[in-house]
Amino acid sequence: VRATGVALGNCVEWGLLRTDTRRKSYWSDVRREVGQDVATFL
């Protein structure tokens, strides 16, 4: 439970999820485009 919350928090702090002020819900911003080399790495 705790680690899931921490992972969600990291996604927010890394700028890949957004959340409301009370962290009751999370949503995604526009997906970030990556180039071919980074895509292959992913």
Full PDB file with SEQRES, HELIX, SHEET, SSBOND, CRYST1, ORIGX, SCALE, CONECT and MASTER records, all heavy atoms in Angstrom:
SEQRES   1 A   42  VAL ARG ALA THR GLY VAL ALA LEU GLY ASN CYS VAL GLU          
SEQRES   2 A   42  TRP GLY LEU LEU ARG THR ASP THR ARG ARG LYS SER TYR          
SEQRES   3 A   42  TRP SER ASP VAL ARG ARG GLU VAL GLY GLN ASP VAL ALA          
SEQRES   4 A   42  THR PHE LEU                                                  
HELIX    1 AA1 ARG A    2  GLU A   13  1                                  12    
HELIX    2 AA2 GLN A   36  PHE A   41  1                                   6    
SHEET    1 AA1 2 ARG A  18  THR A  19  0                                        
SHEET    2 AA1 2 TYR A  26  TRP A  27 -1                                        
CRYST1    1.000    1.000    1.000  90.00  90.00  90.00 P 1           1          
ORIGX1      1.000000  0.000000  0.000000        0.00000                         
ORIGX2      0.000000  1.000000  0.000000        0.00000                         
ORIGX3      0.000000  0.000000  1.000000        0.00000                         
SCALE1      1.000000  0.000000  0.000000        0.00000                         
SCALE2      0.000000  1.000000  0.000000        0.00000                         
SCALE3      0.000000  0.000000  1.000000        0.00000                         
ATOM      1  N   VAL A   1       0.843  -1.208   0.000  1.00  0.00           N  
ATOM      2  CA  VAL A   1       0.000   0.000   0.000  1.00  0.00           C  
ATOM      3  C   VAL A   1       0.874   1.253   0.000  1.00  0.00           C  
ATOM      4  O   VAL A   1       0.689   2.170  -0.802  1.00  0.00           O  
ATOM      5  CB  VAL A   1      -0.932   0.017   1.230  1.00  0.00           C  
ATOM      6  CG1 VAL A   1      -1.698   1.342   1.288  1.00  0.00           C  
ATOM      7  CG2 VAL A   1      -1.897  -1.151   1.188  1.00  0.00           C  
ATOM      8  N   ARG A   2       1.847   1.293   0.897  1.00  0.00           N  
ATOM      9  CA  ARG A   2       2.704   2.476   0.993  1.00  0.00           C  
ATOM     10  C   ARG A   2       3.541   2.656  -0.269  1.00  0.00           C  
ATOM     11  O   ARG A   2       3.665   3.758  -0.802  1.00  0.00           O  
ATOM     12  CB  ARG A   2       3.630   2.370   2.204  1.00  0.00           C  
ATOM     13  CG  ARG A   2       4.550   3.579   2.314  1.00  0.00           C  
ATOM     14  CD  ARG A   2       5.479   3.527   3.514  1.00  0.00           C  
ATOM     15  NE  ARG A   2       6.334   4.704   3.498  1.00  0.00           N  
ATOM     16  CZ  ARG A   2       7.466   4.825   2.809  1.00  0.00           C  
ATOM     17  NH1 ARG A   2       7.900   3.807   2.086  1.00  0.00           N  
ATOM     18  NH2 ARG A   2       8.167   5.935   2.825  1.00  0.00           N  
ATOM     19  N   ALA A   3       4.127   1.565  -0.746  1.00  0.00           N  
ATOM     20  CA  ALA A   3       5.000   1.668  -1.920  1.00  0.00           C  
ATOM     21  C   ALA A   3       4.215   2.082  -3.164  1.00  0.00           C  
ATOM     22  O   ALA A   3       4.737   2.800  -4.018  1.00  0.00           O  
ATOM     23  CB  ALA A   3       5.714   0.343  -2.156  1.00  0.00           C  
ATOM     24  N   THR A   4       2.974   1.641  -3.282  1.00  0.00           N  
ATOM     25  CA  THR A   4       2.138   2.067  -4.407  1.00  0.00           C  
ATOM     26  C   THR A   4       1.912   3.569  -4.350  1.00  0.00           C  
ATOM     27  O   THR A   4       2.014   4.268  -5.368  1.00  0.00           O  
ATOM     28  CB  THR A   4       0.788   1.328  -4.386  1.00  0.00           C  
ATOM     29  OG1 THR A   4       1.016  -0.079  -4.488  1.00  0.00           O  
ATOM     30  CG2 THR A   4      -0.098   1.777  -5.547  1.00  0.00           C  
ATOM     31  N   GLY A   5       1.644   4.085  -3.155  1.00  0.00           N  
ATOM     32  CA  GLY A   5       1.470   5.524  -2.997  1.00  0.00           C  
ATOM     33  C   GLY A   5       2.732   6.303  -3.328  1.00  0.00           C  
ATOM     34  O   GLY A   5       2.684   7.371  -3.954  1.00  0.00           O  
ATOM     35  N   VAL A   6       3.887   5.758  -2.916  1.00  0.00           N  
ATOM     36  CA  VAL A   6       5.161   6.417  -3.221  1.00  0.00           C  
ATOM     37  C   VAL A   6       5.406   6.430  -4.723  1.00  0.00           C  
ATOM     38  O   VAL A   6       5.855   7.441  -5.289  1.00  0.00           O  
ATOM     39  CB  VAL A   6       6.317   5.723  -2.479  1.00  0.00           C  
ATOM     40  CG1 VAL A   6       7.664   6.244  -2.970  1.00  0.00           C  
ATOM     41  CG2 VAL A   6       6.196   5.936  -0.974  1.00  0.00           C  
ATOM     42  N   ALA A   7       5.128   5.319  -5.395  1.00  0.00           N  
ATOM     43  CA  ALA A   7       5.320   5.254  -6.848  1.00  0.00           C  
ATOM     44  C   ALA A   7       4.422   6.263  -7.556  1.00  0.00           C  
ATOM     45  O   ALA A   7       4.861   6.952  -8.493  1.00  0.00           O  
ATOM     46  CB  ALA A   7       5.050   3.842  -7.355  1.00  0.00           C  
ATOM     47  N   LEU A   8       3.178   6.386  -7.117  1.00  0.00           N  
ATOM     48  CA  LEU A   8       2.278   7.390  -7.690  1.00  0.00           C  
ATOM     49  C   LEU A   8       2.846   8.793  -7.470  1.00  0.00           C  
ATOM     50  O   LEU A   8       2.823   9.639  -8.372  1.00  0.00           O  
ATOM     51  CB  LEU A   8       0.892   7.282  -7.049  1.00  0.00           C  
ATOM     52  CG  LEU A   8      -0.030   6.194  -7.602  1.00  0.00           C  
ATOM     53  CD1 LEU A   8      -1.171   5.921  -6.626  1.00  0.00           C  
ATOM     54  CD2 LEU A   8      -0.592   6.611  -8.954  1.00  0.00           C  
ATOM     55  N   GLY A   9       3.360   9.031  -6.269  1.00  0.00           N  
ATOM     56  CA  GLY A   9       3.949  10.331  -5.970  1.00  0.00           C  
ATOM     57  C   GLY A   9       5.143  10.636  -6.852  1.00  0.00           C  
ATOM     58  O   GLY A   9       5.330  11.773  -7.308  1.00  0.00           O  
ATOM     59  N   ASN A  10       5.964   9.626  -7.116  1.00  0.00           N  
ATOM     60  CA  ASN A  10       7.106   9.827  -8.008  1.00  0.00           C  
ATOM     61  C   ASN A  10       6.644  10.167  -9.423  1.00  0.00           C  
ATOM     62  O   ASN A  10       7.240  11.007 -10.098  1.00  0.00           O  
ATOM     63  CB  ASN A  10       7.997   8.588  -8.023  1.00  0.00           C  
ATOM     64  CG  ASN A  10       8.928   8.522  -6.827  1.00  0.00           C  
ATOM     65  OD1 ASN A  10       9.489   9.531  -6.416  1.00  0.00           O  
ATOM     66  ND2 ASN A  10       9.095   7.346  -6.256  1.00  0.00           N  
ATOM     67  N   CYS A  11       5.585   9.507  -9.877  1.00  0.00           N  
ATOM     68  CA  CYS A  11       5.055   9.818 -11.214  1.00  0.00           C  
ATOM     69  C   CYS A  11       4.617  11.276 -11.295  1.00  0.00           C  
ATOM     70  O   CYS A  11       4.807  11.937 -12.332  1.00  0.00           O  
ATOM     71  CB  CYS A  11       3.875   8.905 -11.535  1.00  0.00           C  
ATOM     72  SG  CYS A  11       4.306   7.164 -11.765  1.00  0.00           S  
ATOM     73  N   VAL A  12       4.032  11.784 -10.209  1.00  0.00           N  
ATOM     74  CA  VAL A  12       3.618  13.189 -10.165  1.00  0.00           C  
ATOM     75  C   VAL A  12       4.844  14.100 -10.163  1.00  0.00           C  
ATOM     76  O   VAL A  12       4.941  15.063 -10.933  1.00  0.00           O  
ATOM     77  CB  VAL A  12       2.743  13.461  -8.929  1.00  0.00           C  
ATOM     78  CG1 VAL A  12       2.483  14.959  -8.767  1.00  0.00           C  
ATOM     79  CG2 VAL A  12       1.418  12.703  -9.031  1.00  0.00           C  
ATOM     80  N   GLU A  13       5.813  13.797  -9.301  1.00  0.00           N  
ATOM     81  CA  GLU A  13       6.996  14.651  -9.176  1.00  0.00           C  
ATOM     82  C   GLU A  13       7.858  14.613 -10.434  1.00  0.00           C  
ATOM     83  O   GLU A  13       8.581  15.576 -10.730  1.00  0.00           O  
ATOM     84  CB  GLU A  13       7.799  14.257  -7.943  1.00  0.00           C  
ATOM     85  CG  GLU A  13       7.044  14.541  -6.657  1.00  0.00           C  
ATOM     86  CD  GLU A  13       7.915  14.501  -5.430  1.00  0.00           C  
ATOM     87  OE1 GLU A  13       9.097  14.851  -5.512  1.00  0.00           O  
ATOM     88  OE2 GLU A  13       7.396  14.104  -4.371  1.00  0.00           O  
ATOM     89  N   TRP A  14       7.784  13.531 -11.183  1.00  0.00           N  
ATOM     90  CA  TRP A  14       8.524  13.445 -12.437  1.00  0.00           C  
ATOM     91  C   TRP A  14       7.775  14.111 -13.591  1.00  0.00           C  
ATOM     92  O   TRP A  14       8.227  14.101 -14.726  1.00  0.00           O  
ATOM     93  CB  TRP A  14       8.822  11.994 -12.785  1.00  0.00           C  
ATOM     94  CG  TRP A  14       9.775  11.321 -11.834  1.00  0.00           C  
ATOM     95  CD1 TRP A  14      10.291  11.837 -10.676  1.00  0.00           C  
ATOM     96  CD2 TRP A  14      10.315  10.006 -11.959  1.00  0.00           C  
ATOM     97  NE1 TRP A  14      11.115  10.913 -10.068  1.00  0.00           N  
ATOM     98  CE2 TRP A  14      11.156   9.782 -10.830  1.00  0.00           C  
ATOM     99  CE3 TRP A  14      10.173   8.992 -12.897  1.00  0.00           C  
ATOM    100  CZ2 TRP A  14      11.838   8.590 -10.632  1.00  0.00           C  
ATOM    101  CZ3 TRP A  14      10.855   7.794 -12.699  1.00  0.00           C  
ATOM    102  CH2 TRP A  14      11.699   7.603 -11.573  1.00  0.00           C  
ATOM    103  N   GLY A  15       6.590  14.658 -13.293  1.00  0.00           N  
ATOM    104  CA  GLY A  15       5.828  15.400 -14.294  1.00  0.00           C  
ATOM    105  C   GLY A  15       5.040  14.547 -15.261  1.00  0.00           C  
ATOM    106  O   GLY A  15       4.622  15.029 -16.321  1.00  0.00           O  
ATOM    107  N   LEU A  16       4.783  13.276 -14.906  1.00  0.00           N  
ATOM    108  CA  LEU A  16       4.115  12.366 -15.830  1.00  0.00           C  
ATOM    109  C   LEU A  16       2.696  12.007 -15.407  1.00  0.00           C  
ATOM    110  O   LEU A  16       1.973  11.350 -16.153  1.00  0.00           O  
ATOM    111  CB  LEU A  16       4.957  11.097 -16.002  1.00  0.00           C  
ATOM    112  CG  LEU A  16       6.351  11.387 -16.567  1.00  0.00           C  
ATOM    113  CD1 LEU A  16       7.202  10.133 -16.557  1.00  0.00           C  
ATOM    114  CD2 LEU A  16       6.272  11.958 -17.975  1.00  0.00           C  
ATOM    115  N   LEU A  17       2.308  12.424 -14.234  1.00  0.00           N  
ATOM    116  CA  LEU A  17       0.927  12.357 -13.779  1.00  0.00           C  
ATOM    117  C   LEU A  17       0.595  13.685 -13.123  1.00  0.00           C  
ATOM    118  O   LEU A  17       1.480  14.355 -12.573  1.00  0.00           O  
ATOM    119  CB  LEU A  17       0.713  11.235 -12.751  1.00  0.00           C  
ATOM    120  CG  LEU A  17       0.482   9.813 -13.222  1.00  0.00           C  
ATOM    121  CD1 LEU A  17       0.271   8.903 -12.012  1.00  0.00           C  
ATOM    122  CD2 LEU A  17      -0.710   9.704 -14.165  1.00  0.00           C  
ATOM    123  N   ARG A  18      -0.666  14.039 -13.141  1.00  0.00           N  
ATOM    124  CA  ARG A  18      -1.132  15.201 -12.397  1.00  0.00           C  
ATOM    125  C   ARG A  18      -2.100  14.733 -11.319  1.00  0.00           C  
ATOM    126  O   ARG A  18      -2.677  13.650 -11.419  1.00  0.00           O  
ATOM    127  CB  ARG A  18      -1.812  16.206 -13.328  1.00  0.00           C  
ATOM    128  CG  ARG A  18      -0.875  16.753 -14.403  1.00  0.00           C  
ATOM    129  CD  ARG A  18      -1.506  17.885 -15.177  1.00  0.00           C  
ATOM    130  NE  ARG A  18      -1.704  19.049 -14.315  1.00  0.00           N  
ATOM    131  CZ  ARG A  18      -2.352  20.155 -14.699  1.00  0.00           C  
ATOM    132  NH1 ARG A  18      -2.869  20.226 -15.919  1.00  0.00           N  
ATOM    133  NH2 ARG A  18      -2.483  21.167 -13.871  1.00  0.00           N  
ATOM    134  N   THR A  19      -2.260  15.547 -10.287  1.00  0.00           N  
ATOM    135  CA  THR A  19      -3.151  15.189  -9.199  1.00  0.00           C  
ATOM    136  C   THR A  19      -3.798  16.436  -8.635  1.00  0.00           C  
ATOM    137  O   THR A  19      -3.306  17.556  -8.839  1.00  0.00           O  
ATOM    138  CB  THR A  19      -2.390  14.431  -8.095  1.00  0.00           C  
ATOM    139  OG1 THR A  19      -3.298  13.967  -7.099  1.00  0.00           O  
ATOM    140  CG2 THR A  19      -1.335  15.330  -7.438  1.00  0.00           C  
ATOM    141  N   ASP A  20      -4.904  16.269  -7.917  1.00  0.00           N  
ATOM    142  CA  ASP A  20      -5.537  17.413  -7.269  1.00  0.00           C  
ATOM    143  C   ASP A  20      -4.823  17.703  -5.951  1.00  0.00           C  
ATOM    144  O   ASP A  20      -3.911  16.972  -5.548  1.00  0.00           O  
ATOM    145  CB  ASP A  20      -7.036  17.151  -7.045  1.00  0.00           C  
ATOM    146  CG  ASP A  20      -7.309  15.849  -6.302  1.00  0.00           C  
ATOM    147  OD1 ASP A  20      -6.529  15.523  -5.384  1.00  0.00           O  
ATOM    148  OD2 ASP A  20      -8.282  15.159  -6.643  1.00  0.00           O  
ATOM    149  N   THR A  21      -5.202  18.754  -5.289  1.00  0.00           N  
ATOM    150  CA  THR A  21      -4.473  19.203  -4.098  1.00  0.00           C  
ATOM    151  C   THR A  21      -4.495  18.188  -2.967  1.00  0.00           C  
ATOM    152  O   THR A  21      -3.571  18.143  -2.153  1.00  0.00           O  
ATOM    153  CB  THR A  21      -5.038  20.538  -3.587  1.00  0.00           C  
ATOM    154  OG1 THR A  21      -6.450  20.397  -3.368  1.00  0.00           O  
ATOM    155  CG2 THR A  21      -4.794  21.643  -4.611  1.00  0.00           C  
ATOM    156  N   ARG A  22      -5.529  17.374  -2.919  1.00  0.00           N  
ATOM    157  CA  ARG A  22      -5.623  16.369  -1.843  1.00  0.00           C  
ATOM    158  C   ARG A  22      -5.184  14.975  -2.299  1.00  0.00           C  
ATOM    159  O   ARG A  22      -5.328  14.003  -1.569  1.00  0.00           O  
ATOM    160  CB  ARG A  22      -7.048  16.314  -1.294  1.00  0.00           C  
ATOM    161  CG  ARG A  22      -7.471  17.590  -0.566  1.00  0.00           C  
ATOM    162  CD  ARG A  22      -8.895  17.486  -0.083  1.00  0.00           C  
ATOM    163  NE  ARG A  22      -9.822  17.389  -1.227  1.00  0.00           N  
ATOM    164  CZ  ARG A  22     -11.123  17.103  -1.110  1.00  0.00           C  
ATOM    165  NH1 ARG A  22     -11.635  16.866   0.079  1.00  0.00           N  
ATOM    166  NH2 ARG A  22     -11.898  17.043  -2.185  1.00  0.00           N  
ATOM    167  N   ARG A  23      -4.668  14.904  -3.524  1.00  0.00           N  
ATOM    168  CA  ARG A  23      -4.227  13.627  -4.092  1.00  0.00           C  
ATOM    169  C   ARG A  23      -5.317  12.554  -4.011  1.00  0.00           C  
ATOM    170  O   ARG A  23      -5.060  11.398  -3.691  1.00  0.00           O  
ATOM    171  CB  ARG A  23      -2.934  13.144  -3.418  1.00  0.00           C  
ATOM    172  CG  ARG A  23      -1.776  14.116  -3.655  1.00  0.00           C  
ATOM    173  CD  ARG A  23      -0.429  13.422  -3.654  1.00  0.00           C  
ATOM    174  NE  ARG A  23       0.600  14.348  -4.135  1.00  0.00           N  
ATOM    175  CZ  ARG A  23       1.827  14.006  -4.451  1.00  0.00           C  
ATOM    176  NH1 ARG A  23       2.203  12.750  -4.353  1.00  0.00           N  
ATOM    177  NH2 ARG A  23       2.704  14.876  -4.887  1.00  0.00           N  
ATOM    178  N   LYS A  24      -6.540  12.972  -4.337  1.00  0.00           N  
ATOM    179  CA  LYS A  24      -7.646  12.025  -4.353  1.00  0.00           C  
ATOM    180  C   LYS A  24      -7.741  11.300  -5.695  1.00  0.00           C  
ATOM    181  O   LYS A  24      -8.296  10.207  -5.780  1.00  0.00           O  
ATOM    182  CB  LYS A  24      -8.963  12.764  -4.076  1.00  0.00           C  
ATOM    183  CG  LYS A  24      -9.084  13.325  -2.670  1.00  0.00           C  
ATOM    184  CD  LYS A  24      -9.198  12.218  -1.642  1.00  0.00           C  
ATOM    185  CE  LYS A  24      -9.427  12.785  -0.253  1.00  0.00           C  
ATOM    186  NZ  LYS A  24      -9.509  11.708   0.767  1.00  0.00           N  
ATOM    187  N   SER A  25      -7.222  11.946  -6.748  1.00  0.00           N  
ATOM    188  CA  SER A  25      -7.256  11.293  -8.054  1.00  0.00           C  
ATOM    189  C   SER A  25      -6.052  11.743  -8.869  1.00  0.00           C  
ATOM    190  O   SER A  25      -5.414  12.758  -8.576  1.00  0.00           O  
ATOM    191  CB  SER A  25      -8.555  11.626  -8.800  1.00  0.00           C  
ATOM    192  OG  SER A  25      -8.655  13.015  -9.062  1.00  0.00           O  
ATOM    193  N   TYR A  26      -5.766  10.954  -9.898  1.00  0.00           N  
ATOM    194  CA  TYR A  26      -4.601  11.197 -10.746  1.00  0.00           C  
ATOM    195  C   TYR A  26      -5.024  11.090 -12.204  1.00  0.00           C  
ATOM    196  O   TYR A  26      -5.885  10.281 -12.555  1.00  0.00           O  
ATOM    197  CB  TYR A  26      -3.511  10.155 -10.470  1.00  0.00           C  
ATOM    198  CG  TYR A  26      -3.015  10.147  -9.046  1.00  0.00           C  
ATOM    199  CD1 TYR A  26      -3.706   9.455  -8.043  1.00  0.00           C  
ATOM    200  CD2 TYR A  26      -1.843  10.823  -8.686  1.00  0.00           C  
ATOM    201  CE1 TYR A  26      -3.249   9.447  -6.730  1.00  0.00           C  
ATOM    202  CE2 TYR A  26      -1.379  10.816  -7.377  1.00  0.00           C  
ATOM    203  CZ  TYR A  26      -2.094  10.126  -6.411  1.00  0.00           C  
ATOM    204  OH  TYR A  26      -1.642  10.123  -5.110  1.00  0.00           O  
ATOM    205  N   TRP A  27      -4.397  11.887 -13.051  1.00  0.00           N  
ATOM    206  CA  TRP A  27      -4.672  11.801 -14.477  1.00  0.00           C  
ATOM    207  C   TRP A  27      -3.403  12.116 -15.252  1.00  0.00           C  
ATOM    208  O   TRP A  27      -2.436  12.650 -14.698  1.00  0.00           O  
ATOM    209  CB  TRP A  27      -5.821  12.729 -14.874  1.00  0.00           C  
ATOM    210  CG  TRP A  27      -5.555  14.189 -14.672  1.00  0.00           C  
ATOM    211  CD1 TRP A  27      -5.120  15.085 -15.599  1.00  0.00           C  
ATOM    212  CD2 TRP A  27      -5.725  14.942 -13.456  1.00  0.00           C  
ATOM    213  NE1 TRP A  27      -5.009  16.342 -15.057  1.00  0.00           N  
ATOM    214  CE2 TRP A  27      -5.370  16.285 -13.727  1.00  0.00           C  
ATOM    215  CE3 TRP A  27      -6.132  14.608 -12.158  1.00  0.00           C  
ATOM    216  CZ2 TRP A  27      -5.411  17.282 -12.772  1.00  0.00           C  
ATOM    217  CZ3 TRP A  27      -6.180  15.606 -11.192  1.00  0.00           C  
ATOM    218  CH2 TRP A  27      -5.822  16.931 -11.500  1.00  0.00           C  
ATOM    219  N   SER A  28      -3.414  11.773 -16.519  1.00  0.00           N  
ATOM    220  CA  SER A  28      -2.212  11.918 -17.340  1.00  0.00           C  
ATOM    221  C   SER A  28      -2.279  13.159 -18.203  1.00  0.00           C  
ATOM    222  O   SER A  28      -3.344  13.512 -18.724  1.00  0.00           O  
ATOM    223  CB  SER A  28      -2.050  10.690 -18.242  1.00  0.00           C  
ATOM    224  OG  SER A  28      -0.897  10.805 -19.045  1.00  0.00           O  
ATOM    225  N   ASP A  29      -1.149  13.841 -18.329  1.00  0.00           N  
ATOM    226  CA  ASP A  29      -1.041  14.945 -19.273  1.00  0.00           C  
ATOM    227  C   ASP A  29      -0.900  14.371 -20.684  1.00  0.00           C  
ATOM    228  O   ASP A  29      -0.961  13.162 -20.887  1.00  0.00           O  
ATOM    229  CB  ASP A  29       0.197  15.790 -18.950  1.00  0.00           C  
ATOM    230  CG  ASP A  29      -0.137  16.887 -17.940  1.00  0.00           C  
ATOM    231  OD1 ASP A  29      -1.324  17.235 -17.831  1.00  0.00           O  
ATOM    232  OD2 ASP A  29       0.774  17.372 -17.264  1.00  0.00           O  
ATOM    233  N   VAL A  30      -0.698  15.234 -21.638  1.00  0.00           N  
ATOM    234  CA  VAL A  30      -0.444  14.784 -23.003  1.00  0.00           C  
ATOM    235  C   VAL A  30       0.801  13.893 -23.009  1.00  0.00           C  
ATOM    236  O   VAL A  30       1.803  14.196 -22.354  1.00  0.00           O  
ATOM    237  CB  VAL A  30      -0.227  15.996 -23.930  1.00  0.00           C  
ATOM    238  CG1 VAL A  30       0.141  15.536 -25.343  1.00  0.00           C  
ATOM    239  CG2 VAL A  30      -1.480  16.862 -23.955  1.00  0.00           C  
ATOM    240  N   ARG A  31       0.715  12.788 -23.715  1.00  0.00           N  
ATOM    241  CA  ARG A  31       1.840  11.857 -23.746  1.00  0.00           C  
ATOM    242  C   ARG A  31       3.048  12.502 -24.413  1.00  0.00           C  
ATOM    243  O   ARG A  31       2.918  13.222 -25.402  1.00  0.00           O  
ATOM    244  CB  ARG A  31       1.433  10.591 -24.490  1.00  0.00           C  
ATOM    245  CG  ARG A  31       0.344   9.812 -23.774  1.00  0.00           C  
ATOM    246  CD  ARG A  31      -0.281   8.793 -24.687  1.00  0.00           C  
ATOM    247  NE  ARG A  31       0.631   7.711 -24.985  1.00  0.00           N  
ATOM    248  CZ  ARG A  31       0.433   6.827 -25.963  1.00  0.00           C  
ATOM    249  NH1 ARG A  31      -0.620   6.924 -26.752  1.00  0.00           N  
ATOM    250  NH2 ARG A  31       1.298   5.860 -26.161  1.00  0.00           N  
ATOM    251  N   ARG A  32       4.228  12.234 -23.873  1.00  0.00           N  
ATOM    252  CA  ARG A  32       5.458  12.819 -24.397  1.00  0.00           C  
ATOM    253  C   ARG A  32       5.985  11.997 -25.571  1.00  0.00           C  
ATOM    254  O   ARG A  32       6.145  10.782 -25.467  1.00  0.00           O  
ATOM    255  CB  ARG A  32       6.524  12.876 -23.309  1.00  0.00           C  
ATOM    256  CG  ARG A  32       6.154  13.759 -22.138  1.00  0.00           C  
ATOM    257  CD  ARG A  32       7.366  13.992 -21.268  1.00  0.00           C  
ATOM    258  NE  ARG A  32       7.027  14.780 -20.088  1.00  0.00           N  
ATOM    259  CZ  ARG A  32       7.914  15.411 -19.343  1.00  0.00           C  
ATOM    260  NH1 ARG A  32       9.208  15.337 -19.654  1.00  0.00           N  
ATOM    261  NH2 ARG A  32       7.554  16.118 -18.292  1.00  0.00           N  
ATOM    262  N   GLU A  33       6.270  12.669 -26.652  1.00  0.00           N  
ATOM    263  CA  GLU A  33       6.833  11.978 -27.806  1.00  0.00           C  
ATOM    264  C   GLU A  33       8.319  11.723 -27.575  1.00  0.00           C  
ATOM    265  O   GLU A  33       9.028  12.563 -27.025  1.00  0.00           O  
ATOM    266  CB  GLU A  33       6.635  12.797 -29.072  1.00  0.00           C  
ATOM    267  CG  GLU A  33       5.176  12.916 -29.487  1.00  0.00           C  
ATOM    268  CD  GLU A  33       5.019  13.535 -30.858  1.00  0.00           C  
ATOM    269  OE1 GLU A  33       6.049  13.751 -31.543  1.00  0.00           O  
ATOM    270  OE2 GLU A  33       3.867  13.798 -31.256  1.00  0.00           O  
ATOM    271  N   VAL A  34       8.776  10.555 -27.992  1.00  0.00           N  
ATOM    272  CA  VAL A  34      10.199  10.229 -27.899  1.00  0.00           C  
ATOM    273  C   VAL A  34      10.690   9.791 -29.274  1.00  0.00           C  
ATOM    274  O   VAL A  34       9.915   9.325 -30.112  1.00  0.00           O  
ATOM    275  CB  VAL A  34      10.468   9.113 -26.853  1.00  0.00           C  
ATOM    276  CG1 VAL A  34      10.061   9.563 -25.464  1.00  0.00           C  
ATOM    277  CG2 VAL A  34       9.745   7.818 -27.226  1.00  0.00           C  
ATOM    278  N   GLY A  35      11.985   9.954 -29.497  1.00  0.00           N  
ATOM    279  CA  GLY A  35      12.584   9.560 -30.761  1.00  0.00           C  
ATOM    280  C   GLY A  35      12.812   8.060 -30.853  1.00  0.00           C  
ATOM    281  O   GLY A  35      12.588   7.310 -29.888  1.00  0.00           O  
ATOM    282  N   GLN A  36      13.287   7.613 -32.000  1.00  0.00           N  
ATOM    283  CA  GLN A  36      13.427   6.185 -32.259  1.00  0.00           C  
ATOM    284  C   GLN A  36      14.379   5.497 -31.288  1.00  0.00           C  
ATOM    285  O   GLN A  36      14.084   4.401 -30.797  1.00  0.00           O  
ATOM    286  CB  GLN A  36      13.916   5.961 -33.700  1.00  0.00           C  
ATOM    287  CG  GLN A  36      14.078   4.492 -34.058  1.00  0.00           C  
ATOM    288  CD  GLN A  36      14.409   4.297 -35.521  1.00  0.00           C  
ATOM    289  OE1 GLN A  36      13.750   4.846 -36.400  1.00  0.00           O  
ATOM    290  NE2 GLN A  36      15.454   3.514 -35.806  1.00  0.00           N  
ATOM    291  N   ASP A  37      15.513   6.109 -30.993  1.00  0.00           N  
ATOM    292  CA  ASP A  37      16.485   5.459 -30.112  1.00  0.00           C  
ATOM    293  C   ASP A  37      15.939   5.305 -28.695  1.00  0.00           C  
ATOM    294  O   ASP A  37      16.110   4.256 -28.067  1.00  0.00           O  
ATOM    295  CB  ASP A  37      17.793   6.249 -30.085  1.00  0.00           C  
ATOM    296  CG  ASP A  37      18.551   6.175 -31.404  1.00  0.00           C  
ATOM    297  OD1 ASP A  37      18.285   5.243 -32.187  1.00  0.00           O  
ATOM    298  OD2 ASP A  37      19.402   7.046 -31.641  1.00  0.00           O  
ATOM    299  N   VAL A  38      15.290   6.350 -28.192  1.00  0.00           N  
ATOM    300  CA  VAL A  38      14.710   6.272 -26.847  1.00  0.00           C  
ATOM    301  C   VAL A  38      13.543   5.291 -26.844  1.00  0.00           C  
ATOM    302  O   VAL A  38      13.356   4.530 -25.889  1.00  0.00           O  
ATOM    303  CB  VAL A  38      14.276   7.666 -26.357  1.00  0.00           C  
ATOM    304  CG1 VAL A  38      13.532   7.569 -25.024  1.00  0.00           C  
ATOM    305  CG2 VAL A  38      15.492   8.574 -26.209  1.00  0.00           C  
ATOM    306  N   ALA A  39      12.765   5.279 -27.918  1.00  0.00           N  
ATOM    307  CA  ALA A  39      11.656   4.332 -28.015  1.00  0.00           C  
ATOM    308  C   ALA A  39      12.158   2.890 -27.970  1.00  0.00           C  
ATOM    309  O   ALA A  39      11.576   2.023 -27.296  1.00  0.00           O  
ATOM    310  CB  ALA A  39      10.868   4.574 -29.297  1.00  0.00           C  
ATOM    311  N   THR A  40      13.247   2.617 -28.667  1.00  0.00           N  
ATOM    312  CA  THR A  40      13.822   1.270 -28.649  1.00  0.00           C  
ATOM    313  C   THR A  40      14.291   0.903 -27.253  1.00  0.00           C  
ATOM    314  O   THR A  40      14.122  -0.235 -26.804  1.00  0.00           O  
ATOM    315  CB  THR A  40      14.993   1.186 -29.652  1.00  0.00           C  
ATOM    316  OG1 THR A  40      14.530   1.552 -30.954  1.00  0.00           O  
ATOM    317  CG2 THR A  40      15.558  -0.222 -29.706  1.00  0.00           C  
ATOM    318  N   PHE A  41      14.867   1.876 -26.555  1.00  0.00           N  
ATOM    319  CA  PHE A  41      15.284   1.650 -25.163  1.00  0.00           C  
ATOM    320  C   PHE A  41      14.072   1.310 -24.301  1.00  0.00           C  
ATOM    321  O   PHE A  41      14.127   0.398 -23.456  1.00  0.00           O  
ATOM    322  CB  PHE A  41      15.984   2.905 -24.638  1.00  0.00           C  
ATOM    323  CG  PHE A  41      16.535   2.788 -23.247  1.00  0.00           C  
ATOM    324  CD1 PHE A  41      17.788   2.231 -23.026  1.00  0.00           C  
ATOM    325  CD2 PHE A  41      15.807   3.236 -22.157  1.00  0.00           C  
ATOM    326  CE1 PHE A  41      18.300   2.122 -21.743  1.00  0.00           C  
ATOM    327  CE2 PHE A  41      16.312   3.134 -20.861  1.00  0.00           C  
ATOM    328  CZ  PHE A  41      17.566   2.570 -20.654  1.00  0.00           C  
ATOM    329  N   LEU A  42      12.954   2.010 -24.488  1.00  0.00           N  
ATOM    330  CA  LEU A  42      11.748   1.739 -23.713  1.00  0.00           C  
ATOM    331  C   LEU A  42      11.169   0.360 -24.038  1.00  0.00           C  
ATOM    332  O   LEU A  42      10.650  -0.330 -23.155  1.00  0.00           O  
ATOM    333  CB  LEU A  42      10.700   2.823 -23.965  1.00  0.00           C  
ATOM    334  CG  LEU A  42      11.005   4.197 -23.363  1.00  0.00           C  
ATOM    335  CD1 LEU A  42       9.963   5.225 -23.804  1.00  0.00           C  
ATOM    336  CD2 LEU A  42      11.065   4.134 -21.838  1.00  0.00           C  
TER     337      LEU A  42                                                      
MASTER        0    0    0    2    2    0    0    6  336    1    0    4          
END                                                                             
